[in-house]
Structure formats: structure tokens, C-alpha cells
């Protein structure tokens, strides 16, 4: 049994071979499109679903309830004494608070289990690099405090950069105004956004 097991979200964009190599537990993001619930995993991301994501008037990405995280931690605890869950930026999603509630449930149900829910302050592969650093530290036999410390070190050094084809989707989430989205479309603006240590930079 490992000293520390690693859990992360599907938005960390980790290649499947690395997930398998390090025994990382993935919690798929929940997508609700047209009243139907999907998981962000390969077999459910069909071409029809991807098309509907682009066309649907509303997409709900509300995270799973605490019970889902509890079940993930329960499964991960079968091969590790303690767990570290690297989550997406807490200002983008309520995953962290819900995962912490699930962690409290798991620690109450499983004697001796410790679960550290770690805010990556980023997303996508930047979150993935933090997760890989945590997994490598765990693989080398480090304890939970050392794994968290290594995660902090990498967190301070990674930056995510991404571009958006349109401001339309940000307007739907309320992160930019509809007027800004309309102006951006008219001017064909494709912003590049950087995210470093929890700070967004256009």
C-alpha cells in the first residue's frame, strides 16, 4: 500500500498513460446538457455531445455533490494510507468546498485516513503538472506533508495560457458582459489569458 495516493479532476488534462503509471485517481467533471448528465471521460465525449456543447443554450457545470468525492476517496484509500486531491482553481469552481465536505465524510468513515484537498490555483495541464509532481513525490515514498510541500513548490512556478475563439461562452457564465462579447465578436478579438498562482493576466 502507498503512503500517499493522488486524486485530481479530469480538467487536469493528464495523458492516460501517466494516470496509469502513477496510479492517479481521476474524478471526471460533470456536464449537464439539455437536462442530461455526462461525465468528462473519453467514452462519453461523443462527437454529438461535443457539437451540443457548442450549440446548447445552457450548459451546467455544477460540480458533483460531496458524496461523489467521498466515494472517490473511499476507492483511493484502498491502495493508500493518505490522500492528496489536487483541484482546479477554487475561484473558478466550487469543487474545493464540495471536495472538502466529501473529505470530511471519508475521514469520519475510514479510521486513520487523512485527505488534503489542495487548491492548484490553476487548471488544465498546469494543474496536471502539479498533480504529476505530487504523484512522483508520493511514488518516492514521501509522506503527505512532503507531497503537499512539493505541490506548493510547483504551483508557484507553473503558468497556464489559453486563447478563446469567442467571448460568447464567458458571457454565458457572467465573467464578461454580453456587450463585451458582442464587441469582441464584431472586432474578431481572440483574447489570450494567462493564469499564474491564482492571478489572471490578459
N, C-alpha and C. Protein backbone atom coordinates (compact mmCIF):
# COMPACT_ATOMS: atom_id res chain seq x y z
N UNK A 1 0.84 -1.20 0.00
CA UNK A 1 0.00 0.00 0.00
C UNK A 1 0.88 1.25 0.00
N UNK A 2 0.49 2.25 -0.82
CA UNK A 2 1.23 3.51 -0.86
C UNK A 2 1.01 4.30 0.42
N UNK A 3 1.99 5.16 0.71
CA UNK A 3 1.81 6.09 1.83
C UNK A 3 0.79 7.16 1.46
N UNK A 4 0.92 7.70 0.23
CA UNK A 4 0.02 8.78 -0.23
C UNK A 4 -0.52 8.44 -1.61
N UNK A 5 -1.82 8.56 -1.77
CA UNK A 5 -2.46 8.42 -3.07
C UNK A 5 -2.83 9.79 -3.61
N UNK A 6 -2.85 9.92 -4.93
CA UNK A 6 -3.12 11.21 -5.57
C UNK A 6 -4.44 11.15 -6.33
N UNK A 7 -5.24 12.19 -6.13
CA UNK A 7 -6.53 12.34 -6.80
C UNK A 7 -6.52 13.69 -7.51
N UNK A 8 -7.11 13.76 -8.69
CA UNK A 8 -7.28 15.05 -9.36
C UNK A 8 -8.53 15.02 -10.22
N UNK A 9 -8.83 16.14 -10.87
CA UNK A 9 -10.01 16.26 -11.71
C UNK A 9 -9.65 16.02 -13.17
N UNK A 10 -10.63 15.67 -13.98
CA UNK A 10 -10.36 15.41 -15.39
C UNK A 10 -9.86 16.65 -16.13
N UNK A 11 -10.17 17.85 -15.61
CA UNK A 11 -9.70 19.07 -16.28
C UNK A 11 -8.19 19.25 -16.17
N UNK A 12 -7.51 18.39 -15.41
CA UNK A 12 -6.04 18.46 -15.34
C UNK A 12 -5.40 17.96 -16.63
N UNK A 13 -6.19 17.37 -17.53
CA UNK A 13 -5.72 17.02 -18.88
C UNK A 13 -4.55 16.05 -18.89
N UNK A 14 -4.49 15.14 -17.94
CA UNK A 14 -3.37 14.21 -17.87
C UNK A 14 -3.50 13.11 -18.92
N UNK A 15 -2.41 12.77 -19.61
CA UNK A 15 -2.44 11.66 -20.55
C UNK A 15 -2.76 10.35 -19.82
N UNK A 16 -3.58 9.49 -20.40
CA UNK A 16 -3.97 8.24 -19.73
C UNK A 16 -2.80 7.38 -19.28
N UNK A 17 -1.72 7.39 -20.08
CA UNK A 17 -0.58 6.53 -19.71
C UNK A 17 0.09 7.01 -18.42
N UNK A 18 0.10 8.32 -18.17
CA UNK A 18 0.67 8.83 -16.92
C UNK A 18 -0.27 8.58 -15.75
N UNK A 19 -1.56 8.66 -16.00
CA UNK A 19 -2.55 8.33 -14.97
C UNK A 19 -2.34 6.89 -14.51
N UNK A 20 -2.15 6.00 -15.48
CA UNK A 20 -1.94 4.58 -15.16
C UNK A 20 -0.59 4.37 -14.48
N UNK A 21 0.45 5.00 -15.02
CA UNK A 21 1.80 4.81 -14.48
C UNK A 21 1.89 5.16 -13.01
N UNK A 22 1.26 6.26 -12.62
CA UNK A 22 1.36 6.73 -11.23
C UNK A 22 0.15 6.37 -10.38
N UNK A 23 -0.80 5.66 -10.97
CA UNK A 23 -1.98 5.26 -10.20
C UNK A 23 -2.79 6.44 -9.70
N UNK A 24 -2.90 7.48 -10.53
CA UNK A 24 -3.65 8.69 -10.14
C UNK A 24 -5.15 8.42 -10.30
N UNK A 25 -5.91 8.83 -9.33
CA UNK A 25 -7.37 8.67 -9.37
C UNK A 25 -7.99 9.93 -9.96
N UNK A 26 -8.79 9.77 -11.01
CA UNK A 26 -9.39 10.90 -11.71
C UNK A 26 -10.88 11.00 -11.37
N UNK A 27 -11.30 12.20 -10.96
CA UNK A 27 -12.72 12.48 -10.76
C UNK A 27 -13.20 13.26 -11.99
N UNK A 28 -14.05 12.66 -12.83
CA UNK A 28 -14.49 13.37 -14.04
C UNK A 28 -15.39 14.55 -13.71
N UNK A 29 -15.22 15.62 -14.47
CA UNK A 29 -16.09 16.78 -14.33
C UNK A 29 -17.50 16.41 -14.80
N UNK A 30 -18.51 16.98 -14.15
CA UNK A 30 -19.91 16.73 -14.53
C UNK A 30 -20.38 17.82 -15.49
N UNK A 31 -21.01 17.39 -16.57
CA UNK A 31 -21.60 18.30 -17.55
C UNK A 31 -23.09 17.97 -17.67
N UNK A 32 -23.94 18.98 -17.53
CA UNK A 32 -25.37 18.78 -17.73
C UNK A 32 -25.78 19.58 -18.95
N UNK A 33 -26.18 18.87 -20.00
CA UNK A 33 -26.54 19.49 -21.27
C UNK A 33 -27.94 19.03 -21.64
N UNK A 34 -28.85 19.99 -21.78
CA UNK A 34 -30.22 19.63 -22.13
C UNK A 34 -30.88 18.71 -21.12
N UNK A 35 -30.51 18.86 -19.86
CA UNK A 35 -31.10 18.05 -18.81
C UNK A 35 -30.46 16.69 -18.63
N UNK A 36 -29.51 16.33 -19.49
CA UNK A 36 -28.82 15.04 -19.38
C UNK A 36 -27.45 15.25 -18.76
N UNK A 37 -27.05 14.34 -17.88
CA UNK A 37 -25.77 14.45 -17.18
C UNK A 37 -24.73 13.56 -17.85
N UNK A 38 -23.57 14.14 -18.12
CA UNK A 38 -22.45 13.41 -18.72
C UNK A 38 -21.23 13.57 -17.83
N UNK A 39 -20.30 12.62 -17.97
CA UNK A 39 -19.01 12.71 -17.29
C UNK A 39 -17.93 13.02 -18.31
N UNK A 40 -16.96 13.81 -17.90
CA UNK A 40 -15.85 14.19 -18.78
C UNK A 40 -14.85 13.05 -18.86
N UNK A 41 -15.28 11.98 -19.52
CA UNK A 41 -14.39 10.85 -19.78
C UNK A 41 -14.57 10.43 -21.23
N UNK A 42 -13.54 9.79 -21.77
CA UNK A 42 -13.47 9.52 -23.21
C UNK A 42 -14.71 8.94 -23.84
N UNK A 43 -15.24 7.84 -23.27
CA UNK A 43 -16.34 7.15 -23.93
C UNK A 43 -17.64 7.95 -23.93
N UNK A 44 -17.75 8.95 -23.08
CA UNK A 44 -18.98 9.76 -23.05
C UNK A 44 -18.86 11.04 -23.88
N UNK A 45 -17.63 11.40 -24.27
CA UNK A 45 -17.43 12.62 -25.06
C UNK A 45 -17.55 12.30 -26.55
N UNK A 46 -18.75 11.99 -26.98
CA UNK A 46 -19.01 11.63 -28.37
C UNK A 46 -19.03 12.89 -29.24
N UNK A 47 -18.86 12.73 -30.56
CA UNK A 47 -18.95 13.90 -31.44
C UNK A 47 -20.27 14.65 -31.29
N UNK A 48 -21.37 13.91 -31.09
CA UNK A 48 -22.67 14.57 -30.91
C UNK A 48 -22.69 15.44 -29.65
N UNK A 49 -22.09 14.92 -28.56
CA UNK A 49 -22.05 15.70 -27.32
C UNK A 49 -21.19 16.94 -27.50
N UNK A 50 -20.04 16.78 -28.14
CA UNK A 50 -19.16 17.93 -28.35
C UNK A 50 -19.87 19.00 -29.19
N UNK A 51 -20.62 18.56 -30.20
CA UNK A 51 -21.40 19.52 -31.01
C UNK A 51 -22.45 20.21 -30.16
N UNK A 52 -23.12 19.44 -29.30
CA UNK A 52 -24.17 20.03 -28.46
C UNK A 52 -23.60 21.02 -27.45
N UNK A 53 -22.34 20.80 -27.02
CA UNK A 53 -21.70 21.75 -26.11
C UNK A 53 -21.54 23.12 -26.78
N UNK A 54 -21.32 23.09 -28.10
CA UNK A 54 -21.14 24.34 -28.83
C UNK A 54 -22.47 25.03 -29.13
N UNK A 55 -23.54 24.23 -29.23
CA UNK A 55 -24.82 24.77 -29.67
C UNK A 55 -25.83 24.96 -28.55
N UNK A 56 -25.67 24.25 -27.43
CA UNK A 56 -26.68 24.27 -26.37
C UNK A 56 -26.82 25.67 -25.78
N UNK A 57 -28.06 26.11 -25.53
CA UNK A 57 -28.25 27.45 -24.94
C UNK A 57 -27.71 27.55 -23.52
N UNK A 58 -27.76 26.46 -22.78
CA UNK A 58 -27.23 26.46 -21.41
C UNK A 58 -26.47 25.16 -21.15
N UNK A 59 -25.35 25.30 -20.46
CA UNK A 59 -24.56 24.15 -20.02
C UNK A 59 -24.29 24.33 -18.54
N UNK A 60 -24.66 23.34 -17.76
CA UNK A 60 -24.47 23.42 -16.31
C UNK A 60 -23.24 22.60 -15.94
N UNK A 61 -22.25 23.26 -15.33
CA UNK A 61 -21.04 22.55 -14.90
C UNK A 61 -20.94 22.52 -13.38
N UNK A 62 -22.08 22.58 -12.70
CA UNK A 62 -22.08 22.47 -11.24
C UNK A 62 -21.39 21.18 -10.83
N UNK A 63 -20.41 21.24 -9.92
CA UNK A 63 -19.68 20.02 -9.55
C UNK A 63 -20.57 18.97 -8.89
N UNK A 64 -20.01 17.79 -8.75
CA UNK A 64 -20.70 16.69 -8.08
C UNK A 64 -20.95 17.04 -6.61
N UNK A 65 -21.92 16.39 -5.98
CA UNK A 65 -22.14 16.59 -4.55
C UNK A 65 -21.03 15.94 -3.73
N UNK A 66 -20.91 16.26 -2.45
CA UNK A 66 -19.84 15.70 -1.61
C UNK A 66 -19.78 14.18 -1.62
N UNK A 67 -20.93 13.52 -1.78
CA UNK A 67 -20.94 12.05 -1.77
C UNK A 67 -20.10 11.46 -2.89
N UNK A 68 -20.04 12.15 -4.03
CA UNK A 68 -19.22 11.66 -5.14
C UNK A 68 -17.74 11.68 -4.76
N UNK A 69 -17.31 12.75 -4.12
CA UNK A 69 -15.92 12.84 -3.69
C UNK A 69 -15.64 11.82 -2.58
N UNK A 70 -16.60 11.64 -1.70
CA UNK A 70 -16.46 10.62 -0.66
C UNK A 70 -16.20 9.25 -1.30
N UNK A 71 -16.98 8.89 -2.32
CA UNK A 71 -16.79 7.59 -2.97
C UNK A 71 -15.43 7.50 -3.66
N UNK A 72 -14.98 8.63 -4.25
CA UNK A 72 -13.66 8.64 -4.89
C UNK A 72 -12.56 8.42 -3.86
N UNK A 73 -12.68 9.07 -2.71
CA UNK A 73 -11.67 8.92 -1.66
C UNK A 73 -11.72 7.52 -1.06
N UNK A 74 -12.92 6.99 -0.93
CA UNK A 74 -13.07 5.64 -0.40
C UNK A 74 -12.36 4.64 -1.31
N UNK A 75 -12.53 4.79 -2.62
CA UNK A 75 -11.86 3.90 -3.58
C UNK A 75 -10.35 4.09 -3.53
N UNK A 76 -9.89 5.34 -3.50
CA UNK A 76 -8.45 5.61 -3.49
C UNK A 76 -7.79 5.13 -2.20
N UNK A 77 -8.54 5.12 -1.11
CA UNK A 77 -7.97 4.71 0.19
C UNK A 77 -7.68 3.22 0.26
N UNK A 78 -8.16 2.46 -0.71
CA UNK A 78 -7.87 1.01 -0.72
C UNK A 78 -6.42 0.72 -1.07
N UNK A 79 -5.75 1.71 -1.68
CA UNK A 79 -4.35 1.49 -2.07
C UNK A 79 -3.40 2.52 -1.46
N UNK A 80 -3.90 3.39 -0.57
CA UNK A 80 -3.04 4.42 0.03
C UNK A 80 -3.54 4.76 1.43
N UNK A 81 -2.59 5.10 2.30
CA UNK A 81 -2.94 5.45 3.69
C UNK A 81 -3.52 6.85 3.79
N UNK A 82 -2.96 7.80 3.00
CA UNK A 82 -3.42 9.19 2.98
C UNK A 82 -3.64 9.61 1.53
N UNK A 83 -4.39 10.69 1.35
CA UNK A 83 -4.72 11.15 0.00
C UNK A 83 -4.49 12.65 -0.14
N UNK A 84 -4.02 13.05 -1.31
CA UNK A 84 -3.94 14.47 -1.68
C UNK A 84 -4.75 14.63 -2.97
N UNK A 85 -5.74 15.53 -2.92
CA UNK A 85 -6.58 15.80 -4.09
C UNK A 85 -6.21 17.18 -4.63
N UNK A 86 -5.64 17.21 -5.83
CA UNK A 86 -5.27 18.47 -6.49
C UNK A 86 -6.48 18.95 -7.29
N UNK A 87 -7.10 20.05 -6.86
CA UNK A 87 -8.33 20.51 -7.51
C UNK A 87 -8.07 21.76 -8.35
N UNK A 88 -8.99 22.01 -9.29
CA UNK A 88 -8.91 23.21 -10.12
C UNK A 88 -9.11 24.46 -9.27
N UNK A 89 -8.68 25.58 -9.81
CA UNK A 89 -8.69 26.88 -9.13
C UNK A 89 -10.02 27.11 -8.41
N UNK A 90 -9.96 27.34 -7.12
CA UNK A 90 -11.17 27.46 -6.30
C UNK A 90 -12.02 28.68 -6.67
N UNK A 91 -11.41 29.70 -7.32
CA UNK A 91 -12.21 30.86 -7.73
C UNK A 91 -12.99 30.61 -9.02
N UNK A 92 -12.67 29.51 -9.72
CA UNK A 92 -13.39 29.16 -10.93
C UNK A 92 -14.55 28.21 -10.67
N UNK A 93 -14.47 27.47 -9.56
CA UNK A 93 -15.42 26.38 -9.33
C UNK A 93 -15.61 26.15 -7.84
N UNK A 94 -16.74 25.58 -7.48
CA UNK A 94 -16.99 25.24 -6.07
C UNK A 94 -16.51 23.84 -5.73
N UNK A 95 -15.72 23.24 -6.62
CA UNK A 95 -15.22 21.88 -6.37
C UNK A 95 -14.52 21.77 -5.03
N UNK A 96 -13.71 22.77 -4.68
CA UNK A 96 -12.90 22.66 -3.47
C UNK A 96 -13.77 22.50 -2.23
N UNK A 97 -14.80 23.33 -2.09
CA UNK A 97 -15.63 23.24 -0.89
C UNK A 97 -16.40 21.92 -0.85
N UNK A 98 -16.87 21.46 -2.00
CA UNK A 98 -17.60 20.20 -2.05
C UNK A 98 -16.67 19.02 -1.79
N UNK A 99 -15.44 19.09 -2.34
CA UNK A 99 -14.47 18.04 -2.10
C UNK A 99 -14.07 17.99 -0.63
N UNK A 100 -13.93 19.14 -0.01
CA UNK A 100 -13.60 19.16 1.42
C UNK A 100 -14.71 18.53 2.26
N UNK A 101 -15.96 18.76 1.86
CA UNK A 101 -17.07 18.12 2.57
C UNK A 101 -17.00 16.61 2.38
N UNK A 102 -16.67 16.17 1.17
CA UNK A 102 -16.50 14.74 0.91
C UNK A 102 -15.33 14.16 1.68
N UNK A 103 -14.26 14.96 1.82
CA UNK A 103 -13.09 14.51 2.58
C UNK A 103 -13.43 14.32 4.05
N UNK A 104 -14.23 15.24 4.59
CA UNK A 104 -14.65 15.11 5.99
C UNK A 104 -15.46 13.84 6.20
N UNK A 105 -16.32 13.53 5.23
CA UNK A 105 -17.11 12.30 5.31
C UNK A 105 -16.20 11.07 5.27
N UNK A 106 -15.20 11.10 4.38
CA UNK A 106 -14.29 9.96 4.25
C UNK A 106 -13.45 9.76 5.50
N UNK A 107 -12.97 10.86 6.07
CA UNK A 107 -12.13 10.76 7.26
C UNK A 107 -12.92 10.27 8.47
N UNK A 108 -14.21 10.57 8.48
CA UNK A 108 -15.07 10.08 9.55
C UNK A 108 -15.36 8.59 9.37
N UNK A 109 -15.52 8.18 8.11
CA UNK A 109 -15.90 6.79 7.84
C UNK A 109 -14.72 5.83 7.85
N UNK A 110 -13.52 6.35 7.55
CA UNK A 110 -12.34 5.48 7.42
C UNK A 110 -11.32 5.88 8.48
N UNK A 111 -11.20 5.13 9.54
CA UNK A 111 -10.29 5.49 10.64
C UNK A 111 -8.85 5.66 10.17
N UNK A 112 -8.23 6.76 10.58
CA UNK A 112 -6.82 6.99 10.28
C UNK A 112 -6.55 7.65 8.94
N UNK A 113 -7.55 7.74 8.07
CA UNK A 113 -7.35 8.34 6.75
C UNK A 113 -7.22 9.86 6.87
N UNK A 114 -6.23 10.42 6.16
CA UNK A 114 -6.11 11.87 6.04
C UNK A 114 -6.28 12.25 4.57
N UNK A 115 -7.08 13.26 4.32
CA UNK A 115 -7.30 13.75 2.95
C UNK A 115 -6.98 15.23 2.91
N UNK A 116 -6.02 15.61 2.10
CA UNK A 116 -5.67 17.02 1.91
C UNK A 116 -6.21 17.46 0.55
N UNK A 117 -7.14 18.43 0.56
CA UNK A 117 -7.67 18.98 -0.69
C UNK A 117 -6.85 20.23 -1.00
N UNK A 118 -6.12 20.19 -2.11
CA UNK A 118 -5.11 21.20 -2.44
C UNK A 118 -5.59 22.05 -3.61
N UNK A 119 -5.66 23.36 -3.40
CA UNK A 119 -6.08 24.30 -4.45
C UNK A 119 -4.90 24.57 -5.38
N UNK A 120 -5.00 24.10 -6.62
CA UNK A 120 -3.91 24.30 -7.58
C UNK A 120 -3.80 25.75 -8.04
N UNK A 121 -4.87 26.54 -7.85
CA UNK A 121 -4.92 27.94 -8.30
C UNK A 121 -4.72 28.06 -9.81
N UNK A 122 -5.03 26.97 -10.53
CA UNK A 122 -4.90 26.98 -11.98
C UNK A 122 -5.81 25.89 -12.54
N UNK A 123 -5.62 25.54 -13.78
CA UNK A 123 -6.42 24.48 -14.40
C UNK A 123 -5.65 23.92 -15.59
N UNK A 124 -6.28 23.02 -16.31
CA UNK A 124 -5.70 22.38 -17.49
C UNK A 124 -4.35 21.73 -17.15
N UNK A 125 -3.42 21.72 -18.10
CA UNK A 125 -2.19 20.97 -17.87
C UNK A 125 -1.30 21.59 -16.80
N UNK A 126 -1.49 22.88 -16.49
CA UNK A 126 -0.75 23.45 -15.36
C UNK A 126 -1.14 22.73 -14.08
N UNK A 127 -2.43 22.48 -13.92
CA UNK A 127 -2.90 21.66 -12.80
C UNK A 127 -2.33 20.24 -12.92
N UNK A 128 -2.24 19.77 -14.16
CA UNK A 128 -1.67 18.44 -14.40
C UNK A 128 -0.22 18.34 -13.97
N UNK A 129 0.58 19.38 -14.22
CA UNK A 129 1.99 19.35 -13.81
C UNK A 129 2.13 19.30 -12.29
N UNK A 130 1.26 20.04 -11.60
CA UNK A 130 1.27 19.98 -10.13
C UNK A 130 0.92 18.57 -9.67
N UNK A 131 -0.08 17.99 -10.32
CA UNK A 131 -0.51 16.63 -9.97
C UNK A 131 0.61 15.63 -10.20
N UNK A 132 1.31 15.76 -11.32
CA UNK A 132 2.42 14.84 -11.61
C UNK A 132 3.54 14.99 -10.58
N UNK A 133 3.83 16.22 -10.18
CA UNK A 133 4.85 16.43 -9.15
C UNK A 133 4.44 15.76 -7.85
N UNK A 134 3.17 15.89 -7.49
CA UNK A 134 2.67 15.24 -6.28
C UNK A 134 2.75 13.73 -6.41
N UNK A 135 2.40 13.21 -7.58
CA UNK A 135 2.42 11.76 -7.80
C UNK A 135 3.84 11.21 -7.73
N UNK A 136 4.80 11.95 -8.28
CA UNK A 136 6.19 11.49 -8.23
C UNK A 136 6.74 11.53 -6.81
N UNK A 137 6.35 12.55 -6.06
CA UNK A 137 6.76 12.61 -4.66
C UNK A 137 6.16 11.44 -3.88
N UNK A 138 4.89 11.15 -4.14
CA UNK A 138 4.24 10.02 -3.47
C UNK A 138 4.89 8.70 -3.87
N UNK A 139 5.23 8.58 -5.15
CA UNK A 139 5.86 7.36 -5.66
C UNK A 139 7.20 7.10 -4.98
N UNK A 140 7.90 8.16 -4.61
CA UNK A 140 9.21 8.01 -3.97
C UNK A 140 9.09 7.73 -2.47
N UNK A 141 7.85 7.65 -1.97
CA UNK A 141 7.65 7.29 -0.57
C UNK A 141 7.52 8.45 0.39
N UNK A 142 7.38 9.68 -0.14
CA UNK A 142 7.24 10.85 0.73
C UNK A 142 5.93 10.78 1.50
N UNK A 143 5.90 11.43 2.67
CA UNK A 143 4.66 11.47 3.44
C UNK A 143 3.76 12.59 2.93
N UNK A 144 2.57 12.71 3.50
CA UNK A 144 1.59 13.65 2.98
C UNK A 144 2.06 15.11 3.07
N UNK A 145 2.79 15.45 4.13
CA UNK A 145 3.30 16.83 4.28
C UNK A 145 4.30 17.15 3.17
N UNK A 146 5.18 16.20 2.84
CA UNK A 146 6.16 16.42 1.79
C UNK A 146 5.49 16.50 0.41
N UNK A 147 4.47 15.69 0.20
CA UNK A 147 3.75 15.72 -1.08
C UNK A 147 3.07 17.08 -1.27
N UNK A 148 2.45 17.58 -0.22
CA UNK A 148 1.80 18.90 -0.29
C UNK A 148 2.85 20.00 -0.50
N UNK A 149 3.99 19.89 0.18
CA UNK A 149 5.06 20.89 0.02
C UNK A 149 5.59 20.90 -1.41
N UNK A 150 5.75 19.72 -2.00
CA UNK A 150 6.21 19.65 -3.39
C UNK A 150 5.16 20.24 -4.33
N UNK A 151 3.90 20.01 -4.04
CA UNK A 151 2.82 20.59 -4.84
C UNK A 151 2.87 22.12 -4.77
N UNK A 152 3.12 22.66 -3.60
CA UNK A 152 3.23 24.11 -3.43
C UNK A 152 4.39 24.67 -4.25
N UNK A 153 5.52 23.95 -4.25
CA UNK A 153 6.69 24.44 -4.99
C UNK A 153 6.38 24.52 -6.49
N UNK A 154 5.76 23.49 -7.02
CA UNK A 154 5.46 23.50 -8.45
C UNK A 154 4.36 24.51 -8.76
N UNK A 155 3.39 24.62 -7.88
CA UNK A 155 2.30 25.60 -8.05
C UNK A 155 2.85 27.01 -8.23
N UNK A 156 3.91 27.35 -7.53
CA UNK A 156 4.47 28.70 -7.61
C UNK A 156 5.22 28.95 -8.91
N UNK A 157 5.45 27.87 -9.70
CA UNK A 157 6.26 28.01 -10.91
C UNK A 157 5.49 27.80 -12.21
N UNK A 158 4.27 27.28 -12.13
CA UNK A 158 3.55 26.97 -13.37
C UNK A 158 2.63 28.12 -13.78
N UNK A 159 2.43 28.24 -15.09
CA UNK A 159 1.51 29.22 -15.65
C UNK A 159 0.68 28.54 -16.73
N UNK A 160 -0.61 28.77 -16.70
CA UNK A 160 -1.48 28.29 -17.79
C UNK A 160 -1.76 29.46 -18.72
N UNK A 161 -1.72 29.21 -20.02
CA UNK A 161 -2.06 30.23 -21.00
C UNK A 161 -3.03 29.61 -22.00
N UNK A 162 -4.10 30.31 -22.27
CA UNK A 162 -5.07 29.76 -23.22
C UNK A 162 -5.72 30.90 -23.98
N UNK A 163 -6.19 30.55 -25.17
CA UNK A 163 -6.88 31.53 -26.00
C UNK A 163 -8.32 31.09 -26.22
N UNK A 164 -9.18 32.04 -26.47
CA UNK A 164 -10.60 31.78 -26.64
C UNK A 164 -11.02 32.17 -28.05
N UNK A 165 -11.72 31.27 -28.74
CA UNK A 165 -12.22 31.60 -30.07
C UNK A 165 -13.25 32.71 -30.02
N UNK A 166 -13.95 32.78 -28.89
CA UNK A 166 -15.04 33.74 -28.76
C UNK A 166 -15.24 34.08 -27.29
N UNK A 167 -15.74 35.29 -27.04
CA UNK A 167 -16.11 35.68 -25.67
C UNK A 167 -17.53 35.23 -25.33
N UNK A 168 -18.19 34.60 -26.28
CA UNK A 168 -19.59 34.19 -26.10
C UNK A 168 -19.78 33.31 -24.87
N UNK A 169 -18.88 32.33 -24.70
CA UNK A 169 -19.05 31.39 -23.59
C UNK A 169 -18.77 32.05 -22.24
N UNK A 170 -17.82 32.98 -22.22
CA UNK A 170 -17.57 33.70 -20.97
C UNK A 170 -18.77 34.58 -20.61
N UNK A 171 -19.42 35.13 -21.62
CA UNK A 171 -20.62 35.94 -21.35
C UNK A 171 -21.72 35.08 -20.74
N UNK A 172 -21.81 33.83 -21.19
CA UNK A 172 -22.84 32.93 -20.65
C UNK A 172 -22.58 32.59 -19.19
N UNK A 173 -21.33 32.63 -18.77
CA UNK A 173 -21.02 32.35 -17.37
C UNK A 173 -21.06 33.60 -16.51
N UNK A 174 -21.17 34.78 -17.16
CA UNK A 174 -21.20 36.03 -16.40
C UNK A 174 -19.82 36.62 -16.16
N UNK A 175 -18.76 36.00 -16.71
CA UNK A 175 -17.41 36.51 -16.46
C UNK A 175 -17.08 37.73 -17.30
N UNK A 176 -17.79 37.91 -18.42
CA UNK A 176 -17.71 39.16 -19.17
C UNK A 176 -19.14 39.55 -19.54
N UNK A 177 -19.37 40.81 -19.84
CA UNK A 177 -20.72 41.26 -20.19
C UNK A 177 -21.07 40.82 -21.61
N UNK A 178 -22.36 40.76 -21.88
CA UNK A 178 -22.80 40.42 -23.23
C UNK A 178 -22.38 41.50 -24.24
N UNK A 179 -22.31 42.73 -23.77
CA UNK A 179 -21.86 43.82 -24.64
C UNK A 179 -20.40 43.60 -25.04
N UNK A 180 -19.57 43.22 -24.07
CA UNK A 180 -18.15 42.96 -24.36
C UNK A 180 -18.02 41.78 -25.32
N UNK A 181 -18.85 40.76 -25.13
CA UNK A 181 -18.81 39.60 -26.02
C UNK A 181 -19.22 40.00 -27.44
N UNK A 182 -20.26 40.83 -27.55
CA UNK A 182 -20.71 41.29 -28.86
C UNK A 182 -19.62 42.11 -29.54
N UNK A 183 -19.00 43.03 -28.78
CA UNK A 183 -17.93 43.87 -29.35
C UNK A 183 -16.74 43.01 -29.76
N UNK A 184 -16.42 42.02 -28.93
CA UNK A 184 -15.31 41.14 -29.26
C UNK A 184 -15.56 40.35 -30.53
N UNK A 185 -16.82 39.91 -30.70
CA UNK A 185 -17.18 39.18 -31.92
C UNK A 185 -17.10 40.08 -33.14
N UNK A 186 -17.58 41.30 -32.99
CA UNK A 186 -17.57 42.26 -34.09
C UNK A 186 -16.14 42.57 -34.53
N UNK A 187 -15.25 42.71 -33.56
CA UNK A 187 -13.86 43.06 -33.84
C UNK A 187 -12.97 41.83 -34.04
N UNK A 188 -13.58 40.64 -33.91
CA UNK A 188 -12.86 39.36 -34.03
C UNK A 188 -11.69 39.29 -33.04
N UNK A 189 -11.99 39.68 -31.80
CA UNK A 189 -10.99 39.63 -30.74
C UNK A 189 -10.90 38.21 -30.19
N UNK A 190 -9.69 37.68 -30.11
CA UNK A 190 -9.45 36.37 -29.51
C UNK A 190 -8.44 36.55 -28.38
N UNK A 191 -8.93 36.79 -27.18
CA UNK A 191 -8.02 37.10 -26.08
C UNK A 191 -7.17 35.91 -25.67
N UNK A 192 -5.94 36.20 -25.26
CA UNK A 192 -5.06 35.20 -24.65
C UNK A 192 -5.00 35.52 -23.16
N UNK A 193 -5.29 34.55 -22.35
CA UNK A 193 -5.34 34.74 -20.90
C UNK A 193 -4.28 33.88 -20.24
N UNK A 194 -3.53 34.48 -19.31
CA UNK A 194 -2.57 33.72 -18.52
C UNK A 194 -3.08 33.57 -17.10
N UNK A 195 -2.79 32.44 -16.49
CA UNK A 195 -3.21 32.18 -15.12
C UNK A 195 -2.01 31.65 -14.36
N UNK A 196 -1.51 32.46 -13.42
CA UNK A 196 -0.33 32.08 -12.65
C UNK A 196 -0.58 32.30 -11.18
N UNK A 197 -0.48 31.23 -10.40
CA UNK A 197 -0.63 31.33 -8.95
C UNK A 197 -1.92 32.04 -8.55
N UNK A 198 -2.99 31.74 -9.27
CA UNK A 198 -4.28 32.31 -8.92
C UNK A 198 -4.55 33.70 -9.46
N UNK A 199 -3.67 34.21 -10.31
CA UNK A 199 -3.87 35.55 -10.88
C UNK A 199 -4.06 35.46 -12.38
N UNK A 200 -5.16 36.06 -12.84
CA UNK A 200 -5.44 36.09 -14.27
C UNK A 200 -4.77 37.30 -14.90
N UNK A 201 -4.13 37.07 -16.05
CA UNK A 201 -3.48 38.17 -16.76
C UNK A 201 -3.87 38.10 -18.23
N UNK A 202 -4.53 39.15 -18.76
CA UNK A 202 -4.89 39.14 -20.18
C UNK A 202 -3.66 39.31 -21.06
